[in-house]
Protein backbone atom coordinates (compact mmCIF):
# COMPACT_ATOMS: atom_id res chain seq x y z
CA MET A 1 -31.38 -101.72 322.37
CA ILE A 2 -28.97 -104.34 320.98
CA ARG A 3 -28.73 -107.98 321.99
CA LEU A 4 -26.59 -110.77 320.56
CA LYS A 5 -27.28 -114.36 321.62
CA ASN A 6 -24.88 -117.21 320.80
CA VAL A 7 -23.67 -115.55 317.59
CA HIS A 8 -21.26 -117.63 315.51
CA LYS A 9 -19.54 -116.66 312.28
CA ALA A 10 -16.87 -118.50 310.30
CA PHE A 11 -15.22 -117.73 306.98
CA GLY A 12 -14.27 -121.09 305.56
CA ASN A 13 -12.23 -122.85 308.24
CA ASN A 14 -11.60 -119.60 310.11
CA ALA A 15 -14.05 -119.37 313.00
CA VAL A 16 -14.20 -115.69 313.96
CA LEU A 17 -17.17 -115.54 316.34
CA ASN A 18 -17.72 -118.55 318.60
CA GLY A 19 -20.86 -117.79 320.56
CA VAL A 20 -20.96 -114.06 321.27
CA ASP A 21 -23.46 -112.96 323.93
CA LEU A 22 -23.77 -109.22 324.43
CA HIS A 23 -26.44 -106.84 325.72
CA VAL A 24 -26.30 -103.08 325.13
CA PRO A 25 -29.08 -101.17 326.95
CA LYS A 26 -30.70 -98.13 325.35
CA GLY A 27 -28.71 -94.94 325.85
CA GLU A 28 -25.57 -96.76 327.01
CA SER A 29 -22.08 -96.44 325.55
CA MET A 30 -20.52 -99.88 325.16
CA VAL A 31 -16.88 -100.25 324.14
CA ILE A 32 -15.57 -103.57 322.85
CA ILE A 33 -11.87 -104.15 323.41
CA GLY A 34 -9.65 -106.95 322.17
CA GLY A 35 -6.66 -107.63 319.98
CA SER A 36 -6.54 -107.49 316.21
CA GLY A 37 -8.41 -110.32 314.51
CA THR A 38 -10.58 -111.17 317.50
CA GLY A 39 -13.85 -110.44 315.71
CA LYS A 40 -14.69 -106.88 316.79
CA SER A 41 -15.38 -105.55 313.30
CA VAL A 42 -17.22 -108.72 312.29
CA THR A 43 -19.49 -108.23 315.30
CA LEU A 44 -20.47 -104.76 314.09
CA LYS A 45 -20.98 -106.03 310.55
CA CYS A 46 -23.28 -108.77 311.83
CA ILE A 47 -25.41 -106.23 313.69
CA LEU A 48 -25.67 -104.07 310.56
CA GLY A 49 -26.58 -107.08 308.46
CA LEU A 50 -23.50 -106.73 306.26
CA VAL A 51 -22.44 -110.21 307.39
CA LYS A 52 -24.93 -112.98 308.15
CA PRO A 53 -24.21 -115.03 311.29
CA ASP A 54 -24.04 -118.80 310.86
CA ILE A 55 -25.79 -119.38 314.18
CA GLY A 56 -27.44 -117.15 316.75
CA THR A 57 -29.82 -114.19 316.93
CA ILE A 58 -29.32 -110.43 316.89
CA THR A 59 -32.10 -108.07 317.92
CA VAL A 60 -32.32 -104.29 317.77
CA ALA A 61 -35.04 -102.77 319.94
CA ASP A 62 -36.34 -106.33 320.53
CA LYS A 63 -36.79 -106.98 316.80
CA ASP A 64 -34.77 -109.61 314.98
CA ILE A 65 -32.63 -107.90 312.34
CA LYS A 66 -33.65 -110.59 309.83
CA ASP A 67 -37.28 -109.46 310.04
CA GLY A 68 -38.90 -106.35 308.64
CA ASP A 69 -37.61 -103.54 306.44
CA ARG A 70 -33.82 -103.49 306.17
CA ASP A 71 -33.77 -99.81 305.14
CA ALA A 72 -35.81 -98.94 308.21
CA LEU A 73 -33.33 -100.84 310.36
CA LEU A 74 -30.30 -99.10 308.86
CA SER A 75 -31.95 -95.69 309.23
CA ARG A 76 -31.56 -96.10 312.99
CA PHE A 77 -27.76 -96.27 312.70
CA GLY A 78 -24.94 -93.82 312.19
CA MET A 79 -21.30 -94.86 311.85
CA LEU A 80 -17.87 -93.31 312.14
CA PHE A 81 -15.55 -95.46 310.03
CA GLN A 82 -11.96 -96.18 311.00
CA GLY A 83 -10.44 -94.63 307.87
CA GLY A 84 -12.97 -91.83 307.57
CA ALA A 85 -14.42 -93.36 304.37
CA LEU A 86 -15.20 -89.93 302.93
CA PHE A 87 -16.03 -89.60 299.25
CA ASP A 88 -12.99 -87.90 297.68
CA SER A 89 -14.98 -86.46 294.77
CA MET A 90 -17.55 -84.71 296.98
CA PRO A 91 -17.13 -81.55 299.04
CA VAL A 92 -17.46 -81.90 302.79
CA TRP A 93 -21.09 -80.80 303.02
CA GLN A 94 -22.17 -83.41 300.47
CA ASN A 95 -20.29 -86.09 302.41
CA ILE A 96 -22.10 -85.13 305.60
CA ALA A 97 -25.51 -84.83 303.96
CA PHE A 98 -25.20 -87.88 301.70
CA ARG A 99 -27.88 -89.90 303.50
CA LEU A 100 -30.16 -86.86 303.79
CA VAL A 101 -30.00 -86.15 300.06
CA GLN A 102 -30.65 -89.81 299.27
CA SER A 103 -33.76 -89.69 301.44
CA GLY A 104 -35.18 -86.72 299.52
CA VAL A 105 -34.08 -83.70 301.57
CA SER A 106 -33.62 -80.63 299.37
CA THR A 107 -30.10 -79.47 298.52
CA ASP A 108 -30.47 -76.20 300.43
CA GLU A 109 -31.80 -77.90 303.54
CA ALA A 110 -29.17 -80.64 303.36
CA ARG A 111 -26.36 -78.08 303.09
CA ALA A 112 -27.73 -76.09 306.04
CA LEU A 113 -27.96 -79.25 308.16
CA ALA A 114 -24.41 -80.22 307.18
CA ILE A 115 -23.08 -76.83 308.27
CA GLU A 116 -24.97 -77.17 311.56
CA LYS A 117 -23.32 -80.56 312.19
CA LEU A 118 -19.91 -79.10 311.27
CA ARG A 119 -20.38 -76.50 313.99
CA ARG A 120 -21.33 -79.27 316.41
CA VAL A 121 -17.97 -80.98 315.86
CA GLY A 122 -16.02 -77.74 316.11
CA LEU A 123 -15.48 -76.91 312.42
CA LYS A 124 -16.26 -73.60 310.72
CA PRO A 125 -18.83 -73.26 307.91
CA ASP A 126 -16.12 -72.55 305.31
CA VAL A 127 -14.99 -76.17 305.64
CA ALA A 128 -18.24 -77.21 303.95
CA ASP A 129 -16.96 -76.46 300.45
CA ARG A 130 -13.54 -78.04 300.83
CA PHE A 131 -12.71 -81.53 299.62
CA PRO A 132 -11.46 -84.28 301.97
CA ALA A 133 -7.93 -84.15 300.51
CA GLU A 134 -7.68 -80.54 301.70
CA LEU A 135 -8.27 -81.50 305.33
CA SER A 136 -5.96 -82.78 308.04
CA GLY A 137 -6.53 -86.23 309.54
CA GLY A 138 -8.19 -84.72 312.59
CA MET A 139 -10.51 -82.59 310.49
CA GLN A 140 -11.44 -85.59 308.33
CA LYS A 141 -12.30 -87.52 311.48
CA ARG A 142 -14.54 -84.67 312.65
CA VAL A 143 -16.26 -84.60 309.27
CA GLY A 144 -16.81 -88.35 309.59
CA LEU A 145 -18.34 -87.76 313.02
CA ALA A 146 -20.58 -85.00 311.60
CA ARG A 147 -21.77 -87.44 308.93
CA ALA A 148 -22.42 -90.14 311.55
CA ILE A 149 -24.79 -87.83 313.46
CA ALA A 150 -26.29 -86.01 310.47
CA ALA A 151 -29.59 -87.91 310.56
CA ASP A 152 -29.82 -87.92 314.38
CA PRO A 153 -29.55 -91.73 314.64
CA GLU A 154 -30.62 -93.73 317.68
CA ILE A 155 -27.52 -95.93 317.51
CA ILE A 156 -23.99 -94.88 316.58
CA PHE A 157 -21.05 -97.18 315.87
CA PHE A 158 -17.47 -95.97 316.21
CA ASP A 159 -14.81 -98.11 314.53
CA GLU A 160 -11.36 -97.30 315.99
CA PRO A 161 -12.26 -93.58 316.22
CA THR A 162 -8.75 -92.35 317.12
CA THR A 163 -6.64 -94.45 314.74
CA GLY A 164 -3.96 -92.36 313.06
CA LEU A 165 -4.43 -89.32 315.28
CA ASP A 166 -1.89 -87.71 317.60
CA PRO A 167 -2.66 -87.93 321.34
CA ILE A 168 -4.05 -84.39 321.57
CA MET A 169 -6.43 -84.77 318.62
CA ALA A 170 -7.38 -88.23 319.86
CA GLY A 171 -8.40 -86.64 323.14
CA VAL A 172 -10.47 -84.02 321.30
CA ILE A 173 -12.29 -86.70 319.30
CA ASN A 174 -12.92 -88.80 322.41
CA ASP A 175 -14.40 -85.81 324.23
CA LEU A 176 -16.57 -84.93 321.22
CA ILE A 177 -17.88 -88.46 320.95
CA ARG A 178 -18.77 -88.57 324.62
CA GLU A 179 -20.47 -85.17 324.53
CA ILE A 180 -22.49 -85.99 321.42
CA VAL A 181 -23.60 -89.42 322.61
CA VAL A 182 -24.80 -87.99 325.92
CA GLU A 183 -26.42 -84.98 324.25
CA MET A 184 -28.30 -87.12 321.73
CA GLY A 185 -29.20 -89.84 324.20
CA ALA A 186 -27.93 -92.31 321.62
CA THR A 187 -26.89 -95.90 322.16
CA ALA A 188 -23.22 -96.25 321.18
CA MET A 189 -20.94 -99.15 320.34
CA THR A 190 -17.23 -98.53 319.90
CA ILE A 191 -14.43 -100.91 318.99
CA THR A 192 -10.94 -99.78 319.87
CA HIS A 193 -7.45 -100.73 321.01
CA ASP A 194 -6.94 -97.28 322.57
CA MET A 195 -7.40 -97.43 326.32
CA SER A 196 -7.68 -93.63 326.57
CA SER A 197 -10.72 -93.90 324.28
CA VAL A 198 -12.18 -96.62 326.48
CA ARG A 199 -11.91 -94.47 329.58
CA ALA A 200 -13.30 -91.38 327.86
CA ILE A 201 -16.20 -92.98 325.97
CA ALA A 202 -17.40 -96.08 327.82
CA ASP A 203 -20.19 -96.65 330.27
CA ARG A 204 -19.46 -100.36 330.04
CA VAL A 205 -16.69 -102.44 328.49
CA ALA A 206 -16.73 -105.88 326.87
CA MET A 207 -13.58 -107.94 326.31
CA LEU A 208 -13.69 -110.01 323.11
CA HIS A 209 -11.14 -112.78 322.64
CA ASP A 210 -11.17 -115.98 320.58
CA GLY A 211 -14.62 -115.07 319.28
CA THR A 212 -16.34 -114.89 322.67
CA ILE A 213 -17.01 -112.20 325.25
CA LYS A 214 -14.66 -113.04 328.12
CA TRP A 215 -15.80 -110.23 330.44
CA THR A 216 -18.15 -107.26 330.71
CA GLY A 217 -18.26 -104.51 333.31
CA THR A 218 -17.88 -100.82 334.02
CA VAL A 219 -14.67 -98.87 333.47
CA THR A 220 -14.05 -98.88 337.22
CA GLU A 221 -14.56 -102.63 337.39
CA MET A 222 -12.19 -103.03 334.42
CA ASP A 223 -9.35 -101.59 336.50
CA THR A 224 -10.00 -103.83 339.47
CA THR A 225 -11.15 -107.09 337.91
CA GLY A 226 -9.16 -110.22 338.42
CA ASP A 227 -10.01 -111.40 334.90
CA PRO A 228 -6.66 -112.41 333.38
CA TYR A 229 -7.62 -111.44 329.80
CA VAL A 230 -8.68 -107.92 330.77
CA HIS A 231 -5.72 -107.44 333.09
CA GLN A 232 -3.22 -108.45 330.42
CA PHE A 233 -4.84 -106.37 327.68
CA ILE A 234 -5.34 -103.08 329.52
CA ASN A 235 -1.84 -103.19 330.98
CA GLY A 236 -0.14 -104.27 327.74
CA LEU A 237 1.53 -107.27 329.32
CA SER A 238 3.42 -109.84 327.26
CA GLU A 239 2.67 -112.60 329.78
CA GLY A 240 -0.84 -113.93 330.14
CA PRO A 241 -3.58 -115.96 328.43
CA ILE A 242 -3.51 -113.79 325.30
CA ALA A 243 -0.71 -115.12 323.12
CA ALA A 244 1.32 -112.55 321.18
CA ILE A 245 1.62 -113.22 317.43
CA ARG A 246 5.32 -113.36 316.65
């Protein structure tokens, strides 16, 4: 479903991606791990076309993202943003149905679909008329998840889905993400530092460091690999090839 070949991206003298090669099969959940500033978010932005790679190709369903209708490309995606990114001035149902309304769905139908998605993420219909500021962090994250799946996308991106949540709520969100991805048959890409998320969400894992993919494999292989980058990262070790920023 998604393929990156030799993708490079620099901002001025700061080279962020240095030849990323990554293949995400249809219906698979891929989690990208790596430290802060290693290029995880830039990778997602390149796939979405928000950032243009300097070198390399990115294809979605075997079509180069530079070709064809950009709106048609984006319509295949849903995204759960790290900070929620909800519109403060809109009630919850309008946040969830924002894309639907923009595409011409009637207000009544959009509201009904929003309430249906709220139920899917474990929230009651009365939440629909609240504003984001009235919700807890965990509820906001669920609303963000409901928005990400509102249009039944083929591909869903999750950007640090458990950031700012307590361990129990993080576990709830991880379980919801896994259930929904499997239920929808969607292709998923997640970027995270949270190893509990990796184990709950991933079919396969990719380790990104210094702008390149150092390793890919299954969760089971992640625990047994001799790759020094993966071993250091998943075990939180201070000694290893990944230098700590002091």
